[in-house]
PDB file of all heavy atoms in Angstrom:
ATOM      1  N   THR A   1     -23.658  23.523 -10.404  1.00  0.00           N
ATOM      2  CA  THR A   1     -22.626  22.506 -10.577  1.00  0.00           C
ATOM      3  C   THR A   1     -22.232  22.077  -9.148  1.00  0.00           C
ATOM      4  O   THR A   1     -21.948  22.939  -8.300  1.00  0.00           O
ATOM      5  CB  THR A   1     -21.421  23.096 -11.287  1.00  0.00           C
ATOM      6  OG1 THR A   1     -21.844  23.582 -12.558  1.00  0.00           O
ATOM      7  CG2 THR A   1     -20.327  22.032 -11.485  1.00  0.00           C
ATOM      8  N   VAL A   2     -22.278  20.777  -8.943  1.00  0.00           N
ATOM      9  CA  VAL A   2     -21.856  20.236  -7.610  1.00  0.00           C
ATOM     10  C   VAL A   2     -20.681  19.271  -7.837  1.00  0.00           C
ATOM     11  O   VAL A   2     -20.824  18.292  -8.568  1.00  0.00           O
ATOM     12  CB  VAL A   2     -23.028  19.494  -6.911  1.00  0.00           C
ATOM     13  CG1 VAL A   2     -22.572  18.899  -5.612  1.00  0.00           C
ATOM     14  CG2 VAL A   2     -24.198  20.467  -6.694  1.00  0.00           C
ATOM     15  N   ASN A   3     -19.557  19.637  -7.238  1.00  0.00           N
ATOM     16  CA  ASN A   3     -18.319  18.818  -7.368  1.00  0.00           C
ATOM     17  C   ASN A   3     -17.975  18.524  -8.845  1.00  0.00           C
ATOM     18  O   ASN A   3     -17.612  17.473  -9.189  1.00  0.00           O
ATOM     19  CB  ASN A   3     -18.418  17.492  -6.569  1.00  0.00           C
ATOM     20  CG  ASN A   3     -18.597  17.790  -5.095  1.00  0.00           C
ATOM     21  OD1 ASN A   3     -18.122  18.799  -4.595  1.00  0.00           O
ATOM     22  ND2 ASN A   3     -19.208  16.874  -4.377  1.00  0.00           N
ATOM     23  N   GLY A   4     -18.201  19.540  -9.678  1.00  0.00           N
ATOM     24  CA  GLY A   4     -17.809  19.476 -11.096  1.00  0.00           C
ATOM     25  C   GLY A   4     -18.852  18.905 -12.012  1.00  0.00           C
ATOM     26  O   GLY A   4     -18.703  18.896 -13.234  1.00  0.00           O
ATOM     27  N   ALA A   5     -19.960  18.447 -11.479  1.00  0.00           N
ATOM     28  CA  ALA A   5     -21.062  17.829 -12.333  1.00  0.00           C
ATOM     29  C   ALA A   5     -22.275  18.754 -12.344  1.00  0.00           C
ATOM     30  O   ALA A   5     -22.692  19.284 -11.307  1.00  0.00           O
ATOM     31  CB  ALA A   5     -21.431  16.468 -11.770  1.00  0.00           C
ATOM     32  N   ALA A   6     -22.883  18.913 -13.507  1.00  0.00           N
ATOM     33  CA  ALA A   6     -24.105  19.691 -13.632  1.00  0.00           C
ATOM     34  C   ALA A   6     -25.222  18.920 -12.920  1.00  0.00           C
ATOM     35  O   ALA A   6     -25.375  17.723 -13.108  1.00  0.00           O
ATOM     36  CB  ALA A   6     -24.410  19.920 -15.107  1.00  0.00           C
ATOM     37  N   VAL A   7     -25.996  19.671 -12.131  1.00  0.00           N
ATOM     38  CA  VAL A   7     -27.048  19.075 -11.326  1.00  0.00           C
ATOM     39  C   VAL A   7     -28.340  19.895 -11.502  1.00  0.00           C
ATOM     40  O   VAL A   7     -28.253  21.133 -11.554  1.00  0.00           O
ATOM     41  CB  VAL A   7     -26.637  19.028  -9.842  1.00  0.00           C
ATOM     42  CG1 VAL A   7     -27.790  18.488  -8.997  1.00  0.00           C
ATOM     43  CG2 VAL A   7     -25.425  18.123  -9.604  1.00  0.00           C
ATOM     44  N   THR A   8     -29.443  19.213 -11.581  1.00  0.00           N
ATOM     45  CA  THR A   8     -30.734  19.840 -11.564  1.00  0.00           C
ATOM     46  C   THR A   8     -31.506  19.385 -10.362  1.00  0.00           C
ATOM     47  O   THR A   8     -31.659  18.173 -10.149  1.00  0.00           O
ATOM     48  CB  THR A   8     -31.538  19.540 -12.829  1.00  0.00           C
ATOM     49  OG1 THR A   8     -30.788  19.985 -13.998  1.00  0.00           O
ATOM     50  CG2 THR A   8     -32.908  20.230 -12.854  1.00  0.00           C
ATOM     51  N   PHE A   9     -31.988  20.326  -9.557  1.00  0.00           N
ATOM     52  CA  PHE A   9     -32.783  19.992  -8.367  1.00  0.00           C
ATOM     53  C   PHE A   9     -34.278  20.335  -8.662  1.00  0.00           C
ATOM     54  O   PHE A   9     -34.541  21.403  -9.200  1.00  0.00           O
ATOM     55  CB  PHE A   9     -32.325  20.835  -7.147  1.00  0.00           C
ATOM     56  CG  PHE A   9     -30.992  20.447  -6.617  1.00  0.00           C
ATOM     57  CD1 PHE A   9     -29.894  21.199  -6.901  1.00  0.00           C
ATOM     58  CD2 PHE A   9     -30.852  19.345  -5.796  1.00  0.00           C
ATOM     59  CE1 PHE A   9     -28.665  20.864  -6.453  1.00  0.00           C
ATOM     60  CE2 PHE A   9     -29.609  18.982  -5.271  1.00  0.00           C
ATOM     61  CZ  PHE A   9     -28.510  19.759  -5.623  1.00  0.00           C
ATOM     62  N   GLU A  10     -35.164  19.443  -8.344  1.00  0.00           N
ATOM     63  CA  GLU A  10     -36.564  19.687  -8.462  1.00  0.00           C
ATOM     64  C   GLU A  10     -37.113  19.943  -7.074  1.00  0.00           C
ATOM     65  O   GLU A  10     -37.976  19.190  -6.560  1.00  0.00           O
ATOM     66  CB  GLU A  10     -37.258  18.437  -9.091  1.00  0.00           C
ATOM     67  CG  GLU A  10     -36.785  18.110 -10.496  1.00  0.00           C
ATOM     68  CD  GLU A  10     -37.128  19.191 -11.517  1.00  0.00           C
ATOM     69  OE1 GLU A  10     -38.133  19.882 -11.365  1.00  0.00           O
ATOM     70  OE2 GLU A  10     -36.347  19.348 -12.494  1.00  0.00           O
ATOM     71  N   LEU A  11     -36.645  20.977  -6.441  1.00  0.00           N
ATOM     72  CA  LEU A  11     -36.997  21.341  -5.118  1.00  0.00           C
ATOM     73  C   LEU A  11     -37.339  22.863  -5.071  1.00  0.00           C
ATOM     74  O   LEU A  11     -36.813  23.606  -5.897  1.00  0.00           O
ATOM     75  CB  LEU A  11     -35.857  21.088  -4.100  1.00  0.00           C
ATOM     76  CG  LEU A  11     -35.415  19.639  -3.929  1.00  0.00           C
ATOM     77  CD1 LEU A  11     -34.087  19.548  -3.186  1.00  0.00           C
ATOM     78  CD2 LEU A  11     -36.510  18.871  -3.210  1.00  0.00           C
ATOM     79  N   PRO A  12     -38.102  23.297  -4.093  1.00  0.00           N
ATOM     80  CA  PRO A  12     -38.393  24.729  -3.991  1.00  0.00           C
ATOM     81  C   PRO A  12     -37.109  25.504  -3.737  1.00  0.00           C
ATOM     82  O   PRO A  12     -36.194  24.998  -3.059  1.00  0.00           O
ATOM     83  CB  PRO A  12     -39.332  24.788  -2.760  1.00  0.00           C
ATOM     84  CG  PRO A  12     -39.892  23.452  -2.610  1.00  0.00           C
ATOM     85  CD  PRO A  12     -38.873  22.506  -3.112  1.00  0.00           C
ATOM     86  N   GLU A  13     -37.024  26.687  -4.266  1.00  0.00           N
ATOM     87  CA  GLU A  13     -35.824  27.517  -4.161  1.00  0.00           C
ATOM     88  C   GLU A  13     -35.463  27.868  -2.742  1.00  0.00           C
ATOM     89  O   GLU A  13     -34.312  28.144  -2.434  1.00  0.00           O
ATOM     90  CB  GLU A  13     -35.987  28.802  -4.965  1.00  0.00           C
ATOM     91  CG  GLU A  13     -35.885  28.578  -6.448  1.00  0.00           C
ATOM     92  CD  GLU A  13     -35.825  29.849  -7.249  1.00  0.00           C
ATOM     93  OE1 GLU A  13     -35.739  30.949  -6.601  1.00  0.00           O
ATOM     94  OE2 GLU A  13     -35.821  29.776  -8.473  1.00  0.00           O
ATOM     95  N   GLU A  14     -36.440  27.868  -1.865  1.00  0.00           N
ATOM     96  CA  GLU A  14     -36.155  28.235  -0.449  1.00  0.00           C
ATOM     97  C   GLU A  14     -35.573  27.134   0.415  1.00  0.00           C
ATOM     98  O   GLU A  14     -35.180  27.343   1.525  1.00  0.00           O
ATOM     99  CB  GLU A  14     -37.435  28.834   0.238  1.00  0.00           C
ATOM    100  CG  GLU A  14     -38.577  27.878   0.350  1.00  0.00           C
ATOM    101  CD  GLU A  14     -39.456  27.833  -0.849  1.00  0.00           C
ATOM    102  OE1 GLU A  14     -39.169  28.434  -1.885  1.00  0.00           O
ATOM    103  OE2 GLU A  14     -40.486  27.127  -0.757  1.00  0.00           O
ATOM    104  N   VAL A  15     -35.501  25.946  -0.149  1.00  0.00           N
ATOM    105  CA  VAL A  15     -34.914  24.837   0.620  1.00  0.00           C
ATOM    106  C   VAL A  15     -33.459  25.125   0.905  1.00  0.00           C
ATOM    107  O   VAL A  15     -32.737  25.555  -0.011  1.00  0.00           O
ATOM    108  CB  VAL A  15     -35.035  23.478  -0.173  1.00  0.00           C
ATOM    109  CG1 VAL A  15     -34.205  22.372   0.382  1.00  0.00           C
ATOM    110  CG2 VAL A  15     -36.490  23.058  -0.289  1.00  0.00           C
ATOM    111  N   PRO A  16     -32.981  24.958   2.084  1.00  0.00           N
ATOM    112  CA  PRO A  16     -31.560  25.163   2.373  1.00  0.00           C
ATOM    113  C   PRO A  16     -30.687  24.190   1.545  1.00  0.00           C
ATOM    114  O   PRO A  16     -31.018  23.046   1.408  1.00  0.00           O
ATOM    115  CB  PRO A  16     -31.423  24.871   3.878  1.00  0.00           C
ATOM    116  CG  PRO A  16     -32.801  25.103   4.433  1.00  0.00           C
ATOM    117  CD  PRO A  16     -33.713  24.655   3.348  1.00  0.00           C
ATOM    118  N   LEU A  17     -29.616  24.741   1.023  1.00  0.00           N
ATOM    119  CA  LEU A  17     -28.736  23.943   0.161  1.00  0.00           C
ATOM    120  C   LEU A  17     -28.277  22.665   0.856  1.00  0.00           C
ATOM    121  O   LEU A  17     -28.158  21.605   0.211  1.00  0.00           O
ATOM    122  CB  LEU A  17     -27.518  24.769  -0.258  1.00  0.00           C
ATOM    123  CG  LEU A  17     -26.499  24.097  -1.132  1.00  0.00           C
ATOM    124  CD1 LEU A  17     -27.132  23.633  -2.467  1.00  0.00           C
ATOM    125  CD2 LEU A  17     -25.298  25.020  -1.404  1.00  0.00           C
ATOM    126  N   ILE A  18     -28.005  22.715   2.162  1.00  0.00           N
ATOM    127  CA  ILE A  18     -27.499  21.517   2.860  1.00  0.00           C
ATOM    128  C   ILE A  18     -28.512  20.345   2.685  1.00  0.00           C
ATOM    129  O   ILE A  18     -28.068  19.204   2.482  1.00  0.00           O
ATOM    130  CB  ILE A  18     -27.262  21.781   4.354  1.00  0.00           C
ATOM    131  CG1 ILE A  18     -26.536  20.567   4.986  1.00  0.00           C
ATOM    132  CG2 ILE A  18     -28.483  22.143   5.088  1.00  0.00           C
ATOM    133  CD1 ILE A  18     -25.991  20.770   6.360  1.00  0.00           C
ATOM    134  N   HIS A  19     -29.803  20.624   2.708  1.00  0.00           N
ATOM    135  CA  HIS A  19     -30.756  19.564   2.594  1.00  0.00           C
ATOM    136  C   HIS A  19     -30.785  18.998   1.177  1.00  0.00           C
ATOM    137  O   HIS A  19     -30.946  17.799   0.970  1.00  0.00           O
ATOM    138  CB  HIS A  19     -32.147  20.034   3.067  1.00  0.00           C
ATOM    139  CG  HIS A  19     -32.171  20.369   4.461  1.00  0.00           C
ATOM    140  ND1 HIS A  19     -31.817  19.554   5.513  1.00  0.00           N
ATOM    141  CD2 HIS A  19     -32.571  21.558   5.119  1.00  0.00           C
ATOM    142  CE1 HIS A  19     -31.955  20.168   6.652  1.00  0.00           C
ATOM    143  NE2 HIS A  19     -32.375  21.413   6.445  1.00  0.00           N
ATOM    144  N   ALA A  20     -30.607  19.882   0.204  1.00  0.00           N
ATOM    145  CA  ALA A  20     -30.548  19.388  -1.199  1.00  0.00           C
ATOM    146  C   ALA A  20     -29.333  18.517  -1.418  1.00  0.00           C
ATOM    147  O   ALA A  20     -29.420  17.512  -2.114  1.00  0.00           O
ATOM    148  CB  ALA A  20     -30.535  20.558  -2.163  1.00  0.00           C
ATOM    149  N   LEU A  21     -28.203  18.904  -0.812  1.00  0.00           N
ATOM    150  CA  LEU A  21     -26.992  18.105  -0.941  1.00  0.00           C
ATOM    151  C   LEU A  21     -27.079  16.764  -0.279  1.00  0.00           C
ATOM    152  O   LEU A  21     -26.762  15.705  -0.800  1.00  0.00           O
ATOM    153  CB  LEU A  21     -25.784  18.883  -0.401  1.00  0.00           C
ATOM    154  CG  LEU A  21     -25.437  20.202  -1.124  1.00  0.00           C
ATOM    155  CD1 LEU A  21     -24.356  20.944  -0.309  1.00  0.00           C
ATOM    156  CD2 LEU A  21     -24.920  19.899  -2.546  1.00  0.00           C
ATOM    157  N   ARG A  22     -27.561  16.780   0.992  1.00  0.00           N
ATOM    158  CA  ARG A  22     -27.634  15.542   1.758  1.00  0.00           C
ATOM    159  C   ARG A  22     -28.772  14.675   1.323  1.00  0.00           C
ATOM    160  O   ARG A  22     -28.580  13.501   1.018  1.00  0.00           O
ATOM    161  CB  ARG A  22     -27.776  15.885   3.240  1.00  0.00           C
ATOM    162  CG  ARG A  22     -26.501  16.516   3.875  1.00  0.00           C
ATOM    163  CD  ARG A  22     -26.685  16.890   5.306  1.00  0.00           C
ATOM    164  NE  ARG A  22     -27.038  15.725   6.104  1.00  0.00           N
ATOM    165  CZ  ARG A  22     -26.151  14.833   6.597  1.00  0.00           C
ATOM    166  NH1 ARG A  22     -24.854  15.017   6.381  1.00  0.00           N
ATOM    167  NH2 ARG A  22     -26.521  13.846   7.341  1.00  0.00           N
ATOM    168  N   ASP A  23     -29.997  15.213   1.202  1.00  0.00           N
ATOM    169  CA  ASP A  23     -31.158  14.421   0.915  1.00  0.00           C
ATOM    170  C   ASP A  23     -31.338  14.175  -0.580  1.00  0.00           C
ATOM    171  O   ASP A  23     -31.759  13.102  -0.972  1.00  0.00           O
ATOM    172  CB  ASP A  23     -32.428  15.081   1.486  1.00  0.00           C
ATOM    173  CG  ASP A  23     -32.341  15.310   2.972  1.00  0.00           C
ATOM    174  OD1 ASP A  23     -31.588  14.614   3.660  1.00  0.00           O
ATOM    175  OD2 ASP A  23     -33.032  16.215   3.471  1.00  0.00           O
ATOM    176  N   GLY A  24     -31.004  15.173  -1.397  1.00  0.00           N
ATOM    177  CA  GLY A  24     -31.150  15.025  -2.833  1.00  0.00           C
ATOM    178  C   GLY A  24     -30.020  14.287  -3.544  1.00  0.00           C
ATOM    179  O   GLY A  24     -30.258  13.550  -4.494  1.00  0.00           O
ATOM    180  N   LEU A  25     -28.806  14.500  -3.087  1.00  0.00           N
ATOM    181  CA  LEU A  25     -27.617  13.939  -3.771  1.00  0.00           C
ATOM    182  C   LEU A  25     -26.869  12.868  -2.934  1.00  0.00           C
ATOM    183  O   LEU A  25     -25.960  12.255  -3.411  1.00  0.00           O
ATOM    184  CB  LEU A  25     -26.647  15.080  -4.187  1.00  0.00           C
ATOM    185  CG  LEU A  25     -27.172  16.049  -5.141  1.00  0.00           C
ATOM    186  CD1 LEU A  25     -26.097  17.140  -5.449  1.00  0.00           C
ATOM    187  CD2 LEU A  25     -27.620  15.406  -6.470  1.00  0.00           C
ATOM    188  N   GLY A  26     -27.248  12.692  -1.666  1.00  0.00           N
ATOM    189  CA  GLY A  26     -26.570  11.724  -0.836  1.00  0.00           C
ATOM    190  C   GLY A  26     -25.155  12.108  -0.448  1.00  0.00           C
ATOM    191  O   GLY A  26     -24.334  11.259  -0.194  1.00  0.00           O
ATOM    192  N   LEU A  27     -24.882  13.411  -0.459  1.00  0.00           N
ATOM    193  CA  LEU A  27     -23.570  13.912  -0.053  1.00  0.00           C
ATOM    194  C   LEU A  27     -23.542  14.225   1.453  1.00  0.00           C
ATOM    195  O   LEU A  27     -23.865  15.352   1.853  1.00  0.00           O
ATOM    196  CB  LEU A  27     -23.169  15.150  -0.903  1.00  0.00           C
ATOM    197  CG  LEU A  27     -22.997  14.853  -2.410  1.00  0.00           C
ATOM    198  CD1 LEU A  27     -22.863  16.199  -3.168  1.00  0.00           C
ATOM    199  CD2 LEU A  27     -21.897  13.913  -2.662  1.00  0.00           C
ATOM    200  N   PHE A  28     -23.297  13.244   2.245  1.00  0.00           N
ATOM    201  CA  PHE A  28     -23.460  13.328   3.675  1.00  0.00           C
ATOM    202  C   PHE A  28     -22.245  13.913   4.372  1.00  0.00           C
ATOM    203  O   PHE A  28     -22.268  14.077   5.617  1.00  0.00           O
ATOM    204  CB  PHE A  28     -23.839  12.000   4.247  1.00  0.00           C
ATOM    205  CG  PHE A  28     -25.122  11.460   3.753  1.00  0.00           C
ATOM    206  CD1 PHE A  28     -25.079  10.304   2.908  1.00  0.00           C
ATOM    207  CD2 PHE A  28     -26.280  12.068   4.008  1.00  0.00           C
ATOM    208  CE1 PHE A  28     -26.313   9.826   2.399  1.00  0.00           C
ATOM    209  CE2 PHE A  28     -27.473  11.604   3.513  1.00  0.00           C
ATOM    210  CZ  PHE A  28     -27.515  10.462   2.712  1.00  0.00           C
ATOM    211  N   GLY A  29     -21.157  14.196   3.679  1.00  0.00           N
ATOM    212  CA  GLY A  29     -19.992  14.842   4.283  1.00  0.00           C
ATOM    213  C   GLY A  29     -20.263  16.247   4.842  1.00  0.00           C
ATOM    214  O   GLY A  29     -19.706  16.663   5.797  1.00  0.00           O
ATOM    215  N   THR A  30     -21.180  16.979   4.206  1.00  0.00           N
ATOM    216  CA  THR A  30     -21.584  18.265   4.746  1.00  0.00           C
ATOM    217  C   THR A  30     -22.549  17.999   5.862  1.00  0.00           C
ATOM    218  O   THR A  30     -23.617  17.402   5.722  1.00  0.00           O
ATOM    219  CB  THR A  30     -22.323  19.036   3.605  1.00  0.00           C
ATOM    220  OG1 THR A  30     -21.433  19.160   2.488  1.00  0.00           O
ATOM    221  CG2 THR A  30     -22.694  20.403   4.066  1.00  0.00           C
ATOM    222  N   ARG A  31     -22.116  18.416   7.052  1.00  0.00           N
ATOM    223  CA  ARG A  31     -22.884  18.098   8.261  1.00  0.00           C
ATOM    224  C   ARG A  31     -23.836  19.203   8.675  1.00  0.00           C
ATOM    225  O   ARG A  31     -23.530  20.366   8.475  1.00  0.00           O
ATOM    226  CB  ARG A  31     -21.908  17.867   9.455  1.00  0.00           C
ATOM    227  CG  ARG A  31     -20.766  16.921   9.168  1.00  0.00           C
ATOM    228  CD  ARG A  31     -21.278  15.506   9.018  1.00  0.00           C
ATOM    229  NE  ARG A  31     -20.198  14.671   8.634  1.00  0.00           N
ATOM    230  CZ  ARG A  31     -19.618  13.795   9.381  1.00  0.00           C
ATOM    231  NH1 ARG A  31     -20.029  13.581  10.619  1.00  0.00           N
ATOM    232  NH2 ARG A  31     -18.628  13.030   8.968  1.00  0.00           N
ATOM    233  N   PHE A  32     -24.959  18.796   9.220  1.00  0.00           N
ATOM    234  CA  PHE A  32     -25.863  19.807   9.800  1.00  0.00           C
ATOM    235  C   PHE A  32     -25.486  19.922  11.283  1.00  0.00           C
ATOM    236  O   PHE A  32     -25.479  18.942  12.018  1.00  0.00           O
ATOM    237  CB  PHE A  32     -27.327  19.354   9.683  1.00  0.00           C
ATOM    238  CG  PHE A  32     -28.303  20.394  10.160  1.00  0.00           C
ATOM    239  CD1 PHE A  32     -28.661  21.454   9.355  1.00  0.00           C
ATOM    240  CD2 PHE A  32     -28.763  20.359  11.445  1.00  0.00           C
ATOM    241  CE1 PHE A  32     -29.481  22.445   9.822  1.00  0.00           C
ATOM    242  CE2 PHE A  32     -29.603  21.349  11.945  1.00  0.00           C
ATOM    243  CZ  PHE A  32     -29.966  22.429  11.108  1.00  0.00           C
ATOM    244  N   GLY A  33     -25.176  21.137  11.682  1.00  0.00           N
ATOM    245  CA  GLY A  33     -24.841  21.394  13.084  1.00  0.00           C
ATOM    246  C   GLY A  33     -25.887  22.263  13.767  1.00  0.00           C
ATOM    247  O   GLY A  33     -26.845  21.723  14.272  1.00  0.00           O
ATOM    248  N   CYS A  34     -25.703  23.542  13.684  1.00  0.00           N
ATOM    249  CA  CYS A  34     -26.559  24.441  14.451  1.00  0.00           C
ATOM    250  C   CYS A  34     -27.716  24.981  13.606  1.00  0.00           C
ATOM    251  O   CYS A  34     -28.725  25.409  14.165  1.00  0.00           O
ATOM    252  CB  CYS A  34     -25.729  25.603  14.970  1.00  0.00           C
ATOM    253  SG  CYS A  34     -25.069  26.636  13.638  1.00  0.00           S
ATOM    254  N   GLY A  35     -27.565  25.044  12.279  1.00  0.00           N
ATOM    255  CA  GLY A  35     -28.625  25.614  11.448  1.00  0.00           C
ATOM    256  C   GLY A  35     -28.633  27.117  11.492  1.00  0.00           C
ATOM    257  O   GLY A  35     -29.587  27.755  10.993  1.00  0.00           O
ATOM    258  N   ALA A  36     -27.605  27.767  12.041  1.00  0.00           N
ATOM    259  CA  ALA A  36     -27.627  29.244  12.226  1.00  0.00           C
ATOM    260  C   ALA A  36     -26.292  29.840  11.846  1.00  0.00           C
ATOM    261  O   ALA A  36     -25.929  30.927  12.310  1.00  0.00           O
ATOM    262  CB  ALA A  36     -27.973  29.605  13.632  1.00  0.00           C
ATOM    263  N   GLU A  37     -25.452  29.151  11.061  1.00  0.00           N
ATOM    264  CA  GLU A  37     -24.145  29.654  10.583  1.00  0.00           C
ATOM    265  C   GLU A  37     -23.192  29.902  11.758  1.00  0.00           C
ATOM    266  O   GLU A  37     -22.328  30.739  11.660  1.00  0.00           O
ATOM    267  CB  GLU A  37     -24.286  30.943   9.771  1.00  0.00           C
ATOM    268  CG  GLU A  37     -25.023  30.783   8.442  1.00  0.00           C
ATOM    269  CD  GLU A  37     -25.024  32.031   7.643  1.00  0.00           C
ATOM    270  OE1 GLU A  37     -24.254  32.993   7.935  1.00  0.00           O
ATOM    271  OE2 GLU A  37     -25.785  32.085   6.630  1.00  0.00           O
ATOM    272  N   GLN A  38     -23.326  29.176  12.852  1.00  0.00           N
ATOM    273  CA  GLN A  38     -22.489  29.433  14.014  1.00  0.00           C
ATOM    274  C   GLN A  38     -21.454  28.353  14.281  1.00  0.00           C
ATOM    275  O   GLN A  38     -20.607  28.568  15.129  1.00  0.00           O
ATOM    276  CB  GLN A  38     -23.409  29.591  15.258  1.00  0.00           C
ATOM    277  CG  GLN A  38     -24.332  30.752  15.189  1.00  0.00           C
ATOM    278  CD  GLN A  38     -23.618  32.094  15.013  1.00  0.00           C
ATOM    279  OE1 GLN A  38     -22.789  32.447  15.857  1.00  0.00           O
ATOM    280  NE2 GLN A  38     -23.980  32.824  13.994  1.00  0.00           N
ATOM    281  N   CYS A  39     -21.509  27.202  13.624  1.00  0.00           N
ATOM    282  CA  CYS A  39     -20.605  26.120  13.973  1.00  0.00           C
ATOM    283  C   CYS A  39     -19.656  25.706  12.832  1.00  0.00           C
ATOM    284  O   CYS A  39     -18.581  25.115  13.145  1.00  0.00           O
ATOM    285  CB  CYS A  39     -21.393  24.921  14.446  1.00  0.00           C
ATOM    286  SG  CYS A  39     -22.287  24.050  13.124  1.00  0.00           S
ATOM    287  N   GLY A  40     -19.928  25.956  11.613  1.00  0.00           N
ATOM    288  CA  GLY A  40     -19.056  25.622  10.497  1.00  0.00           C
ATOM    289  C   GLY A  40     -19.157  24.199  10.009  1.00  0.00           C
ATOM    290  O   GLY A  40     -18.483  23.836   9.040  1.00  0.00           O
TER     291      GLY A  40
END
């Protein structure tokens, strides 16, 4: 569930969630920073 809506992704399970949100759903508010959990 993303923002209250049921969502199905047709992507490999190992894809980082941020890419599924941004590229798959167009939710660009979640920013890609460091890629290492260091910036928030």
